[in-house]
Amino acid sequence: MHNIKIIFSYLKPYWKRILAGIGCLLVVDAAQMVIPKIIQHIIDTMHQPNFTMAVIFQFALLIFILAILMAGLRFLWRLLLIKNAFKIERKFRDNYYEHLQKLSQKFYQKHNTGDLMAYATNDLRAIRMLFGIAFVLAFDVVIMIIPALILMGSIDLRLTLYVIIPLPIVSFIMIFFGRKIHNRFRKVQENFEKLSGRVQEIISGIRLVKSFVREKQFSKRVNDHSMRLVNQRIGVVRIWGLFFPLMFMIIGISMLLMLYFGGKLTILGDISVGELIAFNSYLQLLSWPVIGIGWITNLYQRGTASLNRLRKIMAEEPDIYDDEKVVNMSINSISGKLQVKNLSFSYDESKTEILKDISFEVNKGETLAIVGRTGAGKSTIIKMLTRMVNPPTNTVYFDGHEIYELPLETLRNNIAIVTQDIFLFASTVKENIQVGNRDASNRDIEKMTQMSQFSQDINAMEDRFDAVIGERGVSLSGGQRQRLAIARALIKDASFLILDDALSSVDTETEELILNEVKEYQKNKSNIIIAHRISTMKHADKIIVLDEGKVAERGTHEELVKMNGIYTDIYNKQKLKEEYEL
C-alpha cells in the first residue's frame, strides 16, 4: 500500500495528461470492439440479395477509417503516457540526487560510489517501466476485459462461461510467479550494485592496480561478480520463460473450448457463423489482456523491488541539518571572529576522546596555525568548523553566535577550505577554479592563479585555462593540484580561509611565495593553517600545538621555540633535515 501511495503521489502532477492519454486509449479499445461486430454483420448478410460489392466497399472503408483513427490515437496515448514515465524518472532522479547532497559523511562511509550509481541507473530504469508501460497496460487490461466479456456474453452467455473457466488459474500463476520474480529481481539489483561498486573502485584506482601488476587478480574479481549477476539474471529469465508459456496454454485451452462448444452451437443454429467469428475475435482481444497481466506482474514486481531499494536510501536521515528555528533566521554572513571553548569530542564508534578541552580564539584579520603530530586531532577540528562533523553544543562560536544558530549555507559560504585530499573535477582548469565562484571573471581567475603560483604551469599548457585536467586532476602533479585548489579557495573571497596541510607537495620556496600572497590578500580576514612544516606557520599571529588531543602549547613562533617543548623539538628536527639536504 505504501508503494501504491508513492506511485500515485508521483502521478498526481500529470493527471491532465494521464486523463487525456486514457481517453485516447478508451477510443482505441472501443474501435477494436466495433470491428468484430462489422465483420459479423458482413458475414451474416452475405446471402441476402441486396449484398453487393458496394456494400463490401462501404464496410471496408469504415474499417480502414477506424484503423487510421486507432493508429493516430495509439501514437497520441503513447506520447502522453510514456512521456510522463520519463518525466517521473527525471523527478525521481532529481529527488534522489538532492537527497544524496543532504546526507552526511557517516552515510558515505557506509555506501560507496558504485552502489549509489546503481540506484541512479538500473533501479530508476525499472521504476520508469513501472510508471510507463506497466501503468498503461493496467488500464488497457481493465478497459479490454470488461467490454470484451460483455460483448461475448451478448452473443451467447453459455459459451462465454465455458471459455472463461480456465482464466481464474491466471490469478494463482500471478501470485506464485510474482513473488518469485520480485525476490529474484531484488537479488539481481543488489548484485548489480556490488558489481558497479567494484568496477568503479578499480577504475578509480587503476594507477595503483597497474603499478602493482594486479590486473589479472582484479579482472578475476570482476568476472566472478559478472558471472554471479549472469546466473541470477538467468534465474529471472527461467521464471519469466515459464510464466508466458503457461499464460499462452490457458489461452489455448479457452480457444479449444470455444471451437468445441461454439461449433456445436453454430451447427444447432443457436448462434450464426458471423457471431461465432465475432466471438472468436473478442476472445482473441481478451487474450491480450491475459498476456498483459503477465507483463504487468513482471514489470510491477521489478519496479516495486527497485522502489523498495530506493526507499531505503530516501529514508536515510542526515545527521547534520538546520534546525527549524535556524531556517527562519536572517544571518547571511560572518565577519571573521571565531571562538572555540572547552571542546571535547569522540566519534560515535569509539568512546576514546579525540579532542580534550580544546580552547582557542581567532579574531578578524588574524592567522592561527595548528601544529601537531599525526592523529593529534587537527583535521577533526576543521571538520567541526565547517560542520562536516557536528561539534558538541556550546563549544564553537562565530561572531558570538553558536555554530548551530548559523544556517549551514551561511556557515559554509563564509569559509573557504583547502583540504589534504584535493578533489578536482574532470573538466577544465577554469571550470575547476569557478567552483569557488561561478561568477568569477577571467581577470579574477588569472589573478588567483598568480597568487597561488599556478600561472606559469597554466601558460605551459596548450589550451591554458581551457585545458582538461582529467578525472581528479590526473594530468597534474601533486603540487599543481594543491595550487589549483588554493586558487579555487581564494576566488571564493570568504571571511575564513582554512589551509589543511594544503602546501605539503609544494617546495619551500614556492610555499613562501604563496603564503606571502595569501597573507596580503587575506589581511582583513581570518585564516587557519594546519601544517607539518614550521616554515608554513612561523609567520602566524598565533600557534597552538596539539598533543594527544590536548592543547599542549600556545604562543607565537618565537615564544614556542624558547619553550623547549614539542614545538621546539619539531622545529629543530626540521631545521636539521633542511641543513642535511643542503
Protein backbone atom coordinates (compact mmCIF):
# COMPACT_ATOMS: atom_id res chain seq x y z
CA MET A 1 0.00 0.00 0.00
CA HIS A 2 2.88 2.35 0.76
CA ASN A 3 4.32 1.73 -2.71
CA ILE A 4 0.92 2.43 -4.29
CA LYS A 5 0.71 5.74 -2.38
CA ILE A 6 4.16 6.70 -3.66
CA ILE A 7 3.18 5.77 -7.23
CA PHE A 8 0.04 7.93 -7.12
CA SER A 9 1.90 10.85 -5.48
CA TYR A 10 4.27 10.94 -8.48
CA LEU A 11 1.42 10.54 -10.99
CA LYS A 12 -0.72 13.30 -9.47
CA PRO A 13 1.03 16.33 -11.09
CA TYR A 14 0.42 14.84 -14.55
CA TRP A 15 -3.26 13.94 -14.08
CA LYS A 16 -4.46 16.04 -17.05
CA ARG A 17 -2.07 14.34 -19.46
CA ILE A 18 -2.91 10.97 -17.92
CA LEU A 19 -6.66 11.53 -18.39
CA ALA A 20 -6.10 12.65 -21.99
CA GLY A 21 -3.96 9.55 -22.65
CA ILE A 22 -6.53 7.24 -21.06
CA GLY A 23 -9.23 8.94 -23.16
CA CYS A 24 -7.27 8.11 -26.33
CA LEU A 25 -6.80 4.56 -25.05
CA LEU A 26 -10.56 4.22 -24.48
CA VAL A 27 -11.35 5.31 -28.04
CA VAL A 28 -8.75 2.86 -29.47
CA ASP A 29 -10.17 -0.03 -27.45
CA ALA A 30 -13.74 0.96 -28.37
CA ALA A 31 -12.78 0.94 -32.06
CA GLN A 32 -11.28 -2.54 -31.61
CA MET A 33 -14.62 -3.71 -30.15
CA VAL A 34 -16.57 -2.33 -33.12
CA ILE A 35 -14.59 -4.10 -35.86
CA PRO A 36 -15.68 -7.70 -34.93
CA LYS A 37 -19.32 -6.51 -35.00
CA ILE A 38 -18.82 -5.12 -38.50
CA ILE A 39 -17.29 -8.42 -39.66
CA GLN A 40 -20.18 -10.30 -38.01
CA HIS A 41 -22.70 -8.15 -39.88
CA ILE A 42 -20.90 -8.68 -43.22
CA ILE A 43 -20.80 -12.48 -42.85
CA ASP A 44 -24.41 -12.80 -41.68
CA THR A 45 -25.77 -10.61 -44.54
CA MET A 46 -23.67 -12.09 -47.36
CA HIS A 47 -26.51 -14.40 -48.52
CA GLN A 48 -29.02 -11.52 -48.84
CA PRO A 49 -29.91 -10.24 -52.37
CA ASN A 50 -29.00 -6.62 -51.62
CA PHE A 51 -25.42 -7.57 -50.59
CA THR A 52 -23.15 -6.09 -53.30
CA MET A 53 -19.54 -5.06 -53.80
CA ALA A 54 -20.58 -1.51 -52.96
CA VAL A 55 -21.72 -2.69 -49.52
CA ILE A 56 -18.41 -4.53 -49.01
CA PHE A 57 -16.54 -1.35 -50.05
CA GLN A 58 -18.52 0.74 -47.53
CA PHE A 59 -17.74 -1.63 -44.67
CA ALA A 60 -14.08 -1.94 -45.77
CA LEU A 61 -13.82 1.86 -45.85
CA LEU A 62 -15.31 2.04 -42.34
CA ILE A 63 -12.75 -0.49 -41.05
CA PHE A 64 -9.96 1.46 -42.79
CA ILE A 65 -11.11 4.73 -41.17
CA LEU A 66 -11.21 3.01 -37.77
CA ALA A 67 -7.71 1.63 -38.37
CA ILE A 68 -6.38 5.13 -39.20
CA LEU A 69 -8.11 6.54 -36.11
CA MET A 70 -6.64 3.77 -33.94
CA ALA A 71 -3.13 4.33 -35.34
CA GLY A 72 -3.27 8.09 -34.67
CA LEU A 73 -4.68 7.72 -31.17
CA ARG A 74 -2.22 4.94 -30.32
CA PHE A 75 0.60 7.33 -31.15
CA LEU A 76 -1.05 10.04 -29.06
CA TRP A 77 -1.59 7.92 -25.94
CA ARG A 78 1.95 6.61 -26.12
CA LEU A 79 3.21 10.21 -26.38
CA LEU A 80 1.07 11.35 -23.45
CA LEU A 81 1.51 8.39 -21.08
CA ILE A 82 5.01 7.08 -21.83
CA LYS A 83 6.40 10.64 -21.85
CA ASN A 84 5.10 11.00 -18.29
CA ALA A 85 7.19 7.99 -17.27
CA PHE A 86 10.37 9.72 -18.42
CA LYS A 87 9.36 12.90 -16.58
CA ILE A 88 8.67 10.90 -13.41
CA GLU A 89 12.02 9.12 -13.79
CA ARG A 90 13.69 12.51 -14.03
CA LYS A 91 11.83 13.70 -10.93
CA PHE A 92 12.89 10.56 -9.06
CA ARG A 93 16.50 11.08 -10.17
CA ASP A 94 16.44 14.77 -9.12
CA ASN A 95 14.93 13.92 -5.73
CA TYR A 96 17.46 11.14 -5.27
CA TYR A 97 20.40 13.42 -6.13
CA GLU A 98 19.11 16.24 -3.91
CA HIS A 99 18.68 13.76 -1.05
CA LEU A 100 22.24 12.47 -1.50
CA GLN A 101 23.54 16.03 -1.20
CA LYS A 102 21.82 16.39 2.18
CA LEU A 103 23.25 13.21 3.65
CA SER A 104 26.23 13.41 5.96
CA GLN A 105 29.72 11.97 5.98
CA LYS A 106 28.60 8.95 8.03
CA PHE A 107 26.29 7.78 5.22
CA TYR A 108 29.07 7.90 2.62
CA GLN A 109 31.32 5.86 4.86
CA LYS A 110 28.79 3.00 4.56
CA HIS A 111 27.96 3.31 0.84
CA ASN A 112 30.47 3.50 -1.98
CA THR A 113 30.02 5.47 -5.20
CA GLY A 114 29.37 2.46 -7.42
CA ASP A 115 26.49 1.29 -5.21
CA LEU A 116 24.82 4.69 -5.33
CA MET A 117 25.28 4.90 -9.11
CA ALA A 118 23.48 1.54 -9.48
CA TYR A 119 20.41 3.09 -7.83
CA ALA A 120 20.54 6.01 -10.27
CA THR A 121 20.70 3.75 -13.35
CA ASN A 122 19.29 0.22 -13.07
CA ASP A 123 16.75 0.85 -10.32
CA LEU A 124 15.42 4.07 -11.79
CA ARG A 125 15.05 2.34 -15.18
CA ALA A 126 12.86 -0.33 -13.56
CA ILE A 127 10.81 2.37 -11.83
CA ARG A 128 10.34 4.18 -15.16
CA MET A 129 8.95 0.96 -16.68
CA LEU A 130 6.57 0.70 -13.72
CA PHE A 131 5.23 4.22 -14.28
CA GLY A 132 5.20 3.81 -18.08
CA ILE A 133 4.36 0.51 -19.76
CA ALA A 134 3.04 -1.19 -16.60
CA PHE A 135 0.71 1.74 -15.82
CA VAL A 136 -0.65 1.81 -19.40
CA LEU A 137 -1.09 -1.97 -19.51
CA ALA A 138 -3.00 -1.93 -16.22
CA PHE A 139 -5.61 0.44 -17.67
CA ASP A 140 -5.65 -1.33 -21.01
CA VAL A 141 -6.31 -4.68 -19.35
CA VAL A 142 -9.30 -3.32 -17.41
CA ILE A 143 -10.66 -1.44 -20.44
CA MET A 144 -10.35 -4.50 -22.70
CA ILE A 145 -11.53 -7.29 -20.40
CA ILE A 146 -14.86 -5.85 -19.27
CA PRO A 147 -16.27 -4.78 -22.70
CA ALA A 148 -14.96 -7.98 -24.35
CA LEU A 149 -16.72 -10.17 -21.78
CA ILE A 150 -19.95 -8.14 -22.08
CA LEU A 151 -19.97 -8.41 -25.90
CA MET A 152 -19.11 -12.12 -25.74
CA GLY A 153 -21.98 -12.60 -23.27
CA SER A 154 -24.36 -10.73 -25.59
CA ILE A 155 -23.57 -13.31 -28.32
CA ASP A 156 -24.02 -16.34 -26.06
CA LEU A 157 -23.73 -16.38 -22.27
CA ARG A 158 -23.22 -20.18 -22.05
CA LEU A 159 -20.29 -20.08 -24.48
CA THR A 160 -18.76 -17.17 -22.57
CA LEU A 161 -18.92 -19.12 -19.30
CA TYR A 162 -17.28 -22.13 -20.94
CA VAL A 163 -14.30 -20.21 -22.32
CA ILE A 164 -13.55 -18.28 -19.10
CA ILE A 165 -13.36 -21.45 -16.97
CA PRO A 166 -9.52 -21.63 -17.31
CA LEU A 167 -8.95 -17.90 -16.66
CA PRO A 168 -9.06 -17.98 -12.81
CA ILE A 169 -5.88 -20.10 -12.99
CA VAL A 170 -4.18 -16.87 -14.12
CA SER A 171 -4.60 -15.44 -10.60
CA PHE A 172 -2.77 -18.35 -8.98
CA ILE A 173 0.02 -18.14 -11.56
CA MET A 174 0.38 -14.38 -10.93
CA ILE A 175 0.63 -14.83 -7.16
CA PHE A 176 3.13 -17.68 -7.37
CA PHE A 177 5.36 -16.25 -10.08
CA GLY A 178 5.00 -12.64 -8.89
CA ARG A 179 6.73 -13.41 -5.58
CA LYS A 180 9.46 -15.39 -7.34
CA ILE A 181 10.13 -12.57 -9.82
CA HIS A 182 10.19 -9.93 -7.05
CA ASN A 183 12.69 -11.82 -4.88
CA ARG A 184 14.96 -12.82 -7.75
CA PHE A 185 14.97 -9.38 -9.33
CA ARG A 186 15.81 -7.80 -5.97
CA LYS A 187 18.86 -10.07 -5.75
CA VAL A 188 19.81 -9.14 -9.33
CA GLN A 189 19.70 -5.43 -8.43
CA GLU A 190 21.74 -5.98 -5.28
CA ASN A 191 24.42 -7.87 -7.20
CA PHE A 192 24.44 -5.23 -9.94
CA GLU A 193 25.05 -2.68 -7.18
CA LYS A 194 28.06 -4.68 -5.94
CA LEU A 195 29.42 -5.11 -9.46
CA SER A 196 29.08 -1.36 -10.17
CA GLY A 197 30.87 -0.57 -6.92
CA ARG A 198 33.70 -2.99 -7.71
CA VAL A 199 34.22 -1.66 -11.27
CA GLN A 200 34.10 1.97 -10.13
CA GLU A 201 36.63 1.27 -7.37
CA ILE A 202 39.07 -0.48 -9.74
CA ILE A 203 38.82 2.24 -12.40
CA SER A 204 39.39 4.94 -9.77
CA GLY A 205 42.50 3.13 -8.55
CA ILE A 206 43.72 1.95 -11.97
CA ARG A 207 47.16 3.51 -11.50
CA LEU A 208 47.65 1.56 -8.28
CA VAL A 209 46.41 -1.63 -9.92
CA LYS A 210 48.89 -1.18 -12.79
CA SER A 211 51.80 -0.22 -10.57
CA PHE A 212 51.38 -3.45 -8.54
CA VAL A 213 50.67 -5.50 -11.70
CA ARG A 214 47.36 -6.73 -10.28
CA GLU A 215 45.27 -6.50 -13.49
CA LYS A 216 44.60 -10.27 -13.64
CA GLN A 217 43.58 -10.56 -10.00
CA PHE A 218 41.13 -7.64 -10.22
CA SER A 219 39.81 -8.87 -13.59
CA LYS A 220 39.03 -12.19 -11.91
CA ARG A 221 37.10 -10.41 -9.16
CA VAL A 222 35.03 -8.52 -11.74
CA ASN A 223 34.48 -11.73 -13.73
CA ASP A 224 33.26 -13.52 -10.59
CA HIS A 225 30.77 -10.72 -9.85
CA SER A 226 29.68 -10.68 -13.51
CA MET A 227 29.13 -14.44 -13.54
CA ARG A 228 27.01 -14.24 -10.37
CA LEU A 229 24.96 -11.48 -11.99
CA VAL A 230 24.55 -13.54 -15.19
CA ASN A 231 23.40 -16.60 -13.21
CA GLN A 232 20.91 -14.51 -11.24
CA ARG A 233 19.57 -12.93 -14.43
CA ILE A 234 19.24 -16.40 -15.98
CA GLY A 235 17.24 -17.37 -12.88
CA VAL A 236 14.84 -14.47 -13.57
CA VAL A 237 14.64 -15.47 -17.25
CA ARG A 238 13.80 -19.07 -16.28
CA ILE A 239 10.84 -17.88 -14.21
CA TRP A 240 9.83 -15.43 -16.92
CA GLY A 241 10.26 -18.10 -19.61
CA LEU A 242 7.94 -20.48 -17.76
CA PHE A 243 5.43 -17.76 -16.96
CA PHE A 244 4.46 -16.82 -20.51
CA PRO A 245 4.04 -20.36 -21.93
CA LEU A 246 1.61 -21.09 -19.09
CA MET A 247 -0.37 -17.96 -19.98
CA PHE A 248 -0.50 -18.99 -23.66
CA MET A 249 -1.53 -22.51 -22.63
CA ILE A 250 -4.52 -21.09 -20.74
CA ILE A 251 -5.47 -19.00 -23.79
CA GLY A 252 -5.12 -22.14 -25.95
CA ILE A 253 -7.46 -24.07 -23.66
CA SER A 254 -10.01 -21.25 -23.93
CA MET A 255 -9.69 -21.37 -27.76
CA LEU A 256 -10.23 -25.13 -27.72
CA LEU A 257 -13.36 -24.77 -25.60
CA MET A 258 -14.63 -22.01 -27.90
CA LEU A 259 -14.16 -24.15 -31.03
CA TYR A 260 -15.85 -27.18 -29.49
CA PHE A 261 -18.85 -25.56 -27.83
CA GLY A 262 -19.11 -22.69 -30.33
CA GLY A 263 -19.02 -25.11 -33.26
CA LYS A 264 -21.80 -27.19 -31.64
CA LEU A 265 -23.96 -24.09 -31.05
CA THR A 266 -23.43 -22.98 -34.65
CA ILE A 267 -24.45 -26.41 -36.01
CA LEU A 268 -27.55 -26.38 -33.82
CA GLY A 269 -28.38 -22.87 -35.08
CA ASP A 270 -28.23 -21.22 -31.68
CA ILE A 271 -25.64 -18.73 -33.00
CA SER A 272 -24.78 -17.67 -36.55
CA VAL A 273 -21.44 -18.11 -38.30
CA GLY A 274 -20.88 -14.36 -38.09
CA GLU A 275 -21.50 -14.44 -34.35
CA LEU A 276 -19.04 -17.33 -33.93
CA ILE A 277 -16.36 -15.39 -35.85
CA ALA A 278 -17.10 -12.22 -33.83
CA PHE A 279 -16.94 -14.28 -30.62
CA ASN A 280 -13.58 -15.67 -31.71
CA SER A 281 -12.36 -12.11 -32.42
CA TYR A 282 -13.39 -10.98 -28.94
CA LEU A 283 -11.66 -14.00 -27.43
CA GLN A 284 -8.51 -13.01 -29.35
CA LEU A 285 -8.84 -9.47 -27.96
CA LEU A 286 -9.31 -10.96 -24.49
CA SER A 287 -6.10 -12.99 -24.87
CA TRP A 288 -4.05 -9.76 -24.98
CA PRO A 289 -5.16 -8.59 -21.51
CA VAL A 290 -4.38 -12.09 -20.16
CA ILE A 291 -0.84 -11.84 -21.59
CA GLY A 292 -0.75 -8.21 -20.43
CA ILE A 293 -1.46 -9.34 -16.86
CA GLY A 294 1.70 -11.42 -17.01
CA TRP A 295 3.72 -8.49 -18.33
CA ILE A 296 2.25 -6.16 -15.71
CA THR A 297 3.15 -8.67 -13.00
CA ASN A 298 6.75 -8.78 -14.18
CA LEU A 299 7.13 -5.01 -14.52
CA TYR A 300 5.32 -4.34 -11.25
CA GLN A 301 7.47 -6.79 -9.29
CA ARG A 302 10.65 -5.42 -10.85
CA GLY A 303 9.57 -1.81 -10.31
CA THR A 304 8.48 -2.28 -6.70
CA ALA A 305 11.67 -4.23 -5.90
CA SER A 306 13.68 -1.22 -7.13
CA LEU A 307 11.28 1.20 -5.45
CA ASN A 308 11.77 -0.56 -2.11
CA ARG A 309 15.56 -0.38 -2.52
CA LEU A 310 15.38 3.32 -3.36
CA ARG A 311 13.01 3.98 -0.46
CA LYS A 312 15.66 2.71 1.97
CA ILE A 313 18.11 5.31 0.69
CA MET A 314 15.48 8.07 0.67
CA ALA A 315 14.56 7.14 4.25
CA GLU A 316 18.12 7.86 5.42
CA GLU A 317 18.09 10.95 7.62
CA PRO A 318 21.04 13.39 7.58
CA ASP A 319 22.60 13.83 10.99
CA ILE A 320 23.78 17.32 10.01
CA TYR A 321 20.94 19.71 9.19
CA ASP A 322 19.49 23.12 10.02
CA ASP A 323 17.19 23.34 12.99
CA GLU A 324 13.68 24.70 12.23
CA LYS A 325 14.49 27.88 14.18
CA VAL A 326 17.69 28.42 12.18
CA VAL A 327 15.88 28.17 8.82
CA ASN A 328 13.92 31.35 9.62
CA MET A 329 16.97 33.29 10.88
CA SER A 330 18.38 36.05 8.67
CA ILE A 331 22.14 35.60 9.37
CA ASN A 332 23.73 35.73 5.92
CA SER A 333 27.37 36.41 6.75
CA ILE A 334 30.04 36.19 9.44
CA SER A 335 32.76 38.80 9.80
CA GLY A 336 35.65 36.60 10.91
CA LYS A 337 35.69 36.10 14.69
CA LEU A 338 35.93 32.50 15.89
CA GLN A 339 35.87 31.15 19.45
CA VAL A 340 36.29 27.52 20.46
CA LYS A 341 35.54 26.87 24.14
CA ASN A 342 36.27 23.71 26.11
CA LEU A 343 35.77 21.43 23.11
CA SER A 344 35.94 17.70 23.83
CA PHE A 345 34.91 15.16 21.22
CA SER A 346 34.78 11.45 20.41
CA TYR A 347 33.29 9.68 17.38
CA ASP A 348 30.20 7.54 17.91
CA GLU A 349 32.05 4.32 17.19
CA SER A 350 34.66 5.00 19.88
CA LYS A 351 34.44 6.16 23.46
CA THR A 352 38.02 7.41 23.33
CA GLU A 353 38.14 11.20 23.26
CA ILE A 354 39.98 12.52 20.20
CA LEU A 355 39.87 16.11 21.46
CA LYS A 356 40.05 17.09 25.11
CA ASP A 357 39.10 20.52 26.43
CA ILE A 358 40.30 22.50 23.37
CA SER A 359 40.01 26.29 23.54
CA PHE A 360 41.32 28.99 21.20
CA GLU A 361 40.25 32.23 19.55
CA VAL A 362 40.77 33.82 16.13
CA ASN A 363 39.92 37.50 15.61
CA LYS A 364 39.23 39.14 12.29
CA GLY A 365 42.47 39.64 10.36
CA GLU A 366 44.42 37.10 12.41
CA THR A 367 46.11 33.89 11.30
CA LEU A 368 46.04 30.87 13.59
CA ALA A 369 48.36 27.93 12.94
CA ILE A 370 47.69 24.47 14.35
CA VAL A 371 50.56 22.02 14.60
CA GLY A 372 50.76 18.53 15.98
CA ARG A 373 51.79 15.01 15.26
CA THR A 374 49.68 12.70 13.07
CA GLY A 375 46.43 11.76 14.83
CA ALA A 376 46.52 14.73 17.20
CA GLY A 377 43.00 15.83 16.06
CA LYS A 378 43.87 18.78 13.78
CA SER A 379 41.64 17.78 10.85
CA THR A 380 38.79 16.85 13.20
CA ILE A 381 38.70 20.46 14.42
CA ILE A 382 38.44 21.68 10.82
CA LYS A 383 35.57 19.26 10.11
CA MET A 384 33.72 20.71 13.08
CA LEU A 385 34.24 24.31 11.99
CA THR A 386 32.51 23.52 8.68
CA ARG A 387 30.03 21.13 10.35
CA MET A 388 31.08 18.14 8.31
CA VAL A 389 31.05 16.67 11.81
CA ASN A 390 28.76 18.11 14.48
CA PRO A 391 30.70 19.61 17.43
CA PRO A 392 29.27 19.42 20.96
CA THR A 393 26.84 22.23 21.76
CA ASN A 394 28.12 25.49 23.24
CA THR A 395 31.70 24.93 22.10
CA VAL A 396 32.08 26.71 18.72
CA TYR A 397 31.06 30.34 18.14
CA PHE A 398 31.26 32.62 15.06
CA ASP A 399 30.79 36.34 15.72
CA GLY A 400 29.27 35.42 19.08
CA HIS A 401 26.69 33.10 17.52
CA GLU A 402 26.84 29.46 18.48
CA ILE A 403 27.55 27.38 15.35
CA TYR A 404 24.08 25.78 15.49
CA GLU A 405 22.49 29.23 15.24
CA LEU A 406 24.04 29.72 11.80
CA PRO A 407 22.35 28.21 8.72
CA LEU A 408 24.62 25.62 7.08
CA GLU A 409 24.59 27.59 3.84
CA THR A 410 25.72 30.77 5.61
CA LEU A 411 28.44 28.94 7.54
CA ARG A 412 29.92 27.18 4.53
CA ASN A 413 29.55 30.16 2.20
CA ASN A 414 31.79 32.13 4.54
CA ILE A 415 34.52 29.51 4.81
CA ALA A 416 36.94 28.63 2.00
CA ILE A 417 38.87 25.44 2.64
CA VAL A 418 41.68 23.50 1.00
CA THR A 419 41.80 20.01 2.48
CA GLN A 420 44.56 17.39 2.50
CA ASP A 421 42.64 15.29 -0.02
CA ILE A 422 42.41 17.52 -3.09
CA PHE A 423 39.42 16.76 -5.29
CA LEU A 424 39.31 18.15 -8.83
CA PHE A 425 36.62 17.60 -11.43
CA ALA A 426 37.33 16.03 -14.83
CA SER A 427 36.84 19.35 -16.61
CA THR A 428 38.93 22.40 -17.49
CA VAL A 429 41.23 24.43 -15.24
CA LYS A 430 38.84 27.37 -15.48
CA GLU A 431 35.77 25.34 -14.54
CA ASN A 432 37.56 23.87 -11.52
CA ILE A 433 38.51 27.34 -10.26
CA GLN A 434 34.97 28.62 -10.86
CA VAL A 435 33.65 26.04 -8.40
CA GLY A 436 34.74 28.59 -5.80
CA ASN A 437 32.83 31.39 -7.52
CA ARG A 438 30.79 30.63 -10.63
CA ASP A 439 30.50 34.35 -11.46
CA ALA A 440 34.27 34.91 -11.39
CA SER A 441 35.64 36.79 -14.40
CA ASN A 442 38.64 35.67 -16.43
CA ARG A 443 40.62 38.52 -14.90
CA ASP A 444 39.85 37.33 -11.35
CA ILE A 445 40.77 33.76 -12.28
CA GLU A 446 44.13 34.87 -13.68
CA LYS A 447 44.80 36.93 -10.55
CA MET A 448 44.13 33.98 -8.23
CA THR A 449 46.34 31.64 -10.23
CA GLN A 450 49.14 34.18 -9.99
CA MET A 451 48.68 34.39 -6.22
CA SER A 452 48.76 30.60 -5.91
CA GLN A 453 51.87 30.44 -8.14
CA PHE A 454 49.99 28.33 -10.69
CA SER A 455 50.03 30.78 -13.61
CA GLN A 456 53.34 29.53 -15.06
CA ASP A 457 52.01 25.97 -15.14
CA ILE A 458 48.88 27.15 -16.94
CA ASN A 459 50.90 29.08 -19.52
CA ALA A 460 52.81 25.87 -20.27
CA MET A 461 49.54 24.08 -21.12
CA GLU A 462 48.44 24.10 -24.74
CA ASP A 463 44.87 25.24 -24.01
CA ARG A 464 45.80 27.23 -20.89
CA PHE A 465 42.61 27.78 -18.80
CA ASP A 466 40.60 25.55 -21.16
CA ALA A 467 42.95 22.61 -20.65
CA VAL A 468 41.10 19.48 -19.47
CA ILE A 469 42.88 18.04 -16.43
CA GLY A 470 41.27 14.58 -16.35
CA GLU A 471 39.47 12.73 -13.57
CA ARG A 472 40.59 14.02 -10.15
CA GLY A 473 43.21 16.12 -11.96
CA VAL A 474 45.15 13.04 -13.07
CA SER A 475 47.20 15.05 -15.57
CA LEU A 476 48.56 17.35 -12.82
CA SER A 477 51.27 16.74 -10.24
CA GLY A 478 50.50 16.81 -6.50
CA GLY A 479 51.86 20.36 -6.16
CA GLN A 480 49.88 21.60 -9.17
CA ARG A 481 46.67 20.15 -7.75
CA GLN A 482 47.29 21.91 -4.43
CA ARG A 483 47.99 25.26 -6.08
CA LEU A 484 44.87 24.94 -8.25
CA ALA A 485 42.83 24.16 -5.13
CA ILE A 486 44.28 27.24 -3.37
CA ALA A 487 43.26 29.42 -6.35
CA ARG A 488 39.77 27.92 -6.13
CA ALA A 489 39.57 28.74 -2.40
CA LEU A 490 40.90 32.29 -2.76
CA ILE A 491 38.42 33.20 -5.51
CA LYS A 492 35.58 32.41 -3.11
CA ASP A 493 36.58 35.56 -1.17
CA ALA A 494 35.28 34.11 2.10
CA SER A 495 35.62 35.51 5.62
CA PHE A 496 37.64 32.47 6.69
CA LEU A 497 40.38 30.68 4.78
CA ILE A 498 41.43 27.24 6.05
CA LEU A 499 44.51 25.52 4.66
CA ASP A 500 44.58 21.95 5.98
CA ASP A 501 48.08 20.70 5.10
CA ALA A 502 47.50 22.32 1.69
CA LEU A 503 51.16 23.01 0.86
CA SER A 504 52.72 19.64 1.64
CA SER A 505 53.51 18.90 -2.04
CA VAL A 506 54.93 22.37 -2.75
CA ASP A 507 58.63 23.20 -2.37
CA THR A 508 59.62 25.64 0.39
CA GLU A 509 60.47 28.47 -1.99
CA THR A 510 57.08 28.32 -3.74
CA GLU A 511 55.40 27.87 -0.38
CA GLU A 512 56.95 31.12 0.87
CA LEU A 513 55.70 32.99 -2.21
CA ILE A 514 52.17 31.60 -1.83
CA LEU A 515 51.98 32.41 1.88
CA ASN A 516 53.16 36.00 1.32
CA GLU A 517 50.48 36.49 -1.38
CA VAL A 518 47.79 34.89 0.80
CA LYS A 519 48.81 36.99 3.82
CA GLU A 520 48.45 40.20 1.84
CA TYR A 521 45.16 39.17 0.22
CA GLN A 522 43.65 37.87 3.49
CA LYS A 523 44.92 40.64 5.79
CA ASN A 524 41.39 41.76 6.71
CA LYS A 525 40.11 38.21 7.03
CA SER A 526 40.67 35.27 9.33
CA ASN A 527 42.94 32.35 8.46
CA ILE A 528 43.63 28.94 9.92
CA ILE A 529 46.64 26.96 8.73
CA ILE A 530 47.37 23.33 9.55
CA ALA A 531 50.80 22.13 8.51
CA HIS A 532 53.68 19.87 9.41
CA ARG A 533 56.33 22.33 8.27
CA ILE A 534 57.32 25.01 10.72
CA SER A 535 58.18 27.28 7.77
CA THR A 536 54.48 27.27 6.81
CA MET A 537 53.29 28.66 10.12
CA LYS A 538 56.13 30.69 11.58
CA HIS A 539 54.53 34.00 10.43
CA ALA A 540 51.16 33.18 12.05
CA ASP A 541 49.81 35.52 14.73
CA LYS A 542 49.03 32.58 17.00
CA ILE A 543 50.13 28.97 17.08
CA ILE A 544 48.63 26.13 19.09
CA VAL A 545 50.36 22.76 19.46
CA LEU A 546 48.14 19.69 19.83
CA ASP A 547 49.37 16.56 21.54
CA GLU A 548 47.14 13.54 22.24
CA GLY A 549 44.04 15.65 21.68
CA LYS A 550 45.01 18.47 24.03
CA VAL A 551 46.47 21.96 23.55
CA ALA A 552 49.96 21.29 24.84
CA GLU A 553 51.50 24.68 23.94
CA ARG A 554 50.39 28.03 22.55
CA GLY A 555 52.06 31.28 21.52
CA THR A 556 53.94 32.87 18.62
CA HIS A 557 56.74 31.14 16.74
CA GLU A 558 59.43 32.90 18.74
CA GLU A 559 57.72 32.17 22.06
CA LEU A 560 57.24 28.48 21.28
CA VAL A 561 60.83 27.99 20.13
CA LYS A 562 62.04 29.29 23.51
CA MET A 563 59.81 26.85 25.44
CA ASN A 564 61.98 23.85 24.55
CA GLY A 565 58.83 21.73 24.24
CA ILE A 566 57.09 19.77 21.45
CA TYR A 567 57.20 22.71 19.02
CA THR A 568 60.92 23.26 19.63
CA ASP A 569 61.57 19.56 19.03
CA ILE A 570 59.68 19.61 15.72
CA TYR A 571 61.43 22.85 14.72
CA ASN A 572 64.93 21.52 15.48
CA LYS A 573 64.34 18.26 13.61
CA GLN A 574 63.06 20.09 10.52
CA LYS A 575 65.92 22.58 10.67
CA LEU A 576 68.44 19.73 10.88
CA LYS A 577 66.79 17.97 7.95
CA GLU A 578 66.93 21.13 5.80
CA GLU A 579 70.62 21.61 6.60
CA TYR A 580 71.31 17.97 5.74
CA GLU A 581 69.52 18.29 2.38
CA LEU A 582 71.58 21.38 1.57
